[in-house]
Amino acid sequence: MHMRNGLNNMEKAGCDEGRNEFIVCEHATEDRIFSARTCRICCIHSGALLLKTKEYFREYGQPVAEVCRGTEIVRTFKETLDNHYRSLLKGTEEKIFRVKDYASALNLHPNYLSNVVKSRTGKPISAWIADKTIAEAKSLLQNSTISIKEIAYQLGFAESTHFSNYFKKHTNFSPVSYRKQVGKS
């Protein structure tokens, strides 16, 4: 449609198609013909706007409202994670939360929470939980003299052997050898 209108407009304006004085532009109307320069400028600005939009969506992947929602979910998840570990260490909580527990605390479906946290941070929730557990364990091993069994219990492990295996899996040290190593520093 635009092409036919553009050609009609060029015919009415008496333009010579062969000389490229004017080009058919989607902005051409019944009574206006744009020069080639004007159309090139329009196309350049439109192209730049499209590229910026494409870059934004490539970087953030979603509209602004969804980005803000996702950012808020991640922030709230991290706060909940920190608060839960404070409660564990105070003794007001007795078990390590799993993904479903954090999702329930945030009134979200576990899969949705997992997807948002992974897409925003690059780390799955299980890695966030493991990192926090190991960080707290290292702090307790380094800065206290309480037994490994008591540390395991404070961090929500039912058995000290489960804690020792978990710690070794994530650090390549047993809790005893880690405590000895940091004690030398």
Foldseek 3Di string as FASTA:
>chain_A
DQVVLQVVCCVVVVHDVVVQQFDRASPADNPDTDGPVVRVVVVVVVVVVVVVVVVVCVVQVDDPVVSVVLVVLLVVLVVVLVVVLVCLQVVVDFAQDDLCRSCVVVVHDSVVSQVSNCVVPVDGVVVVSLVVLLVQLLCCLAPHDDDLQVSCRSHNHPGSVVVQVSNCVVPVDGSVVSSVVNVVD
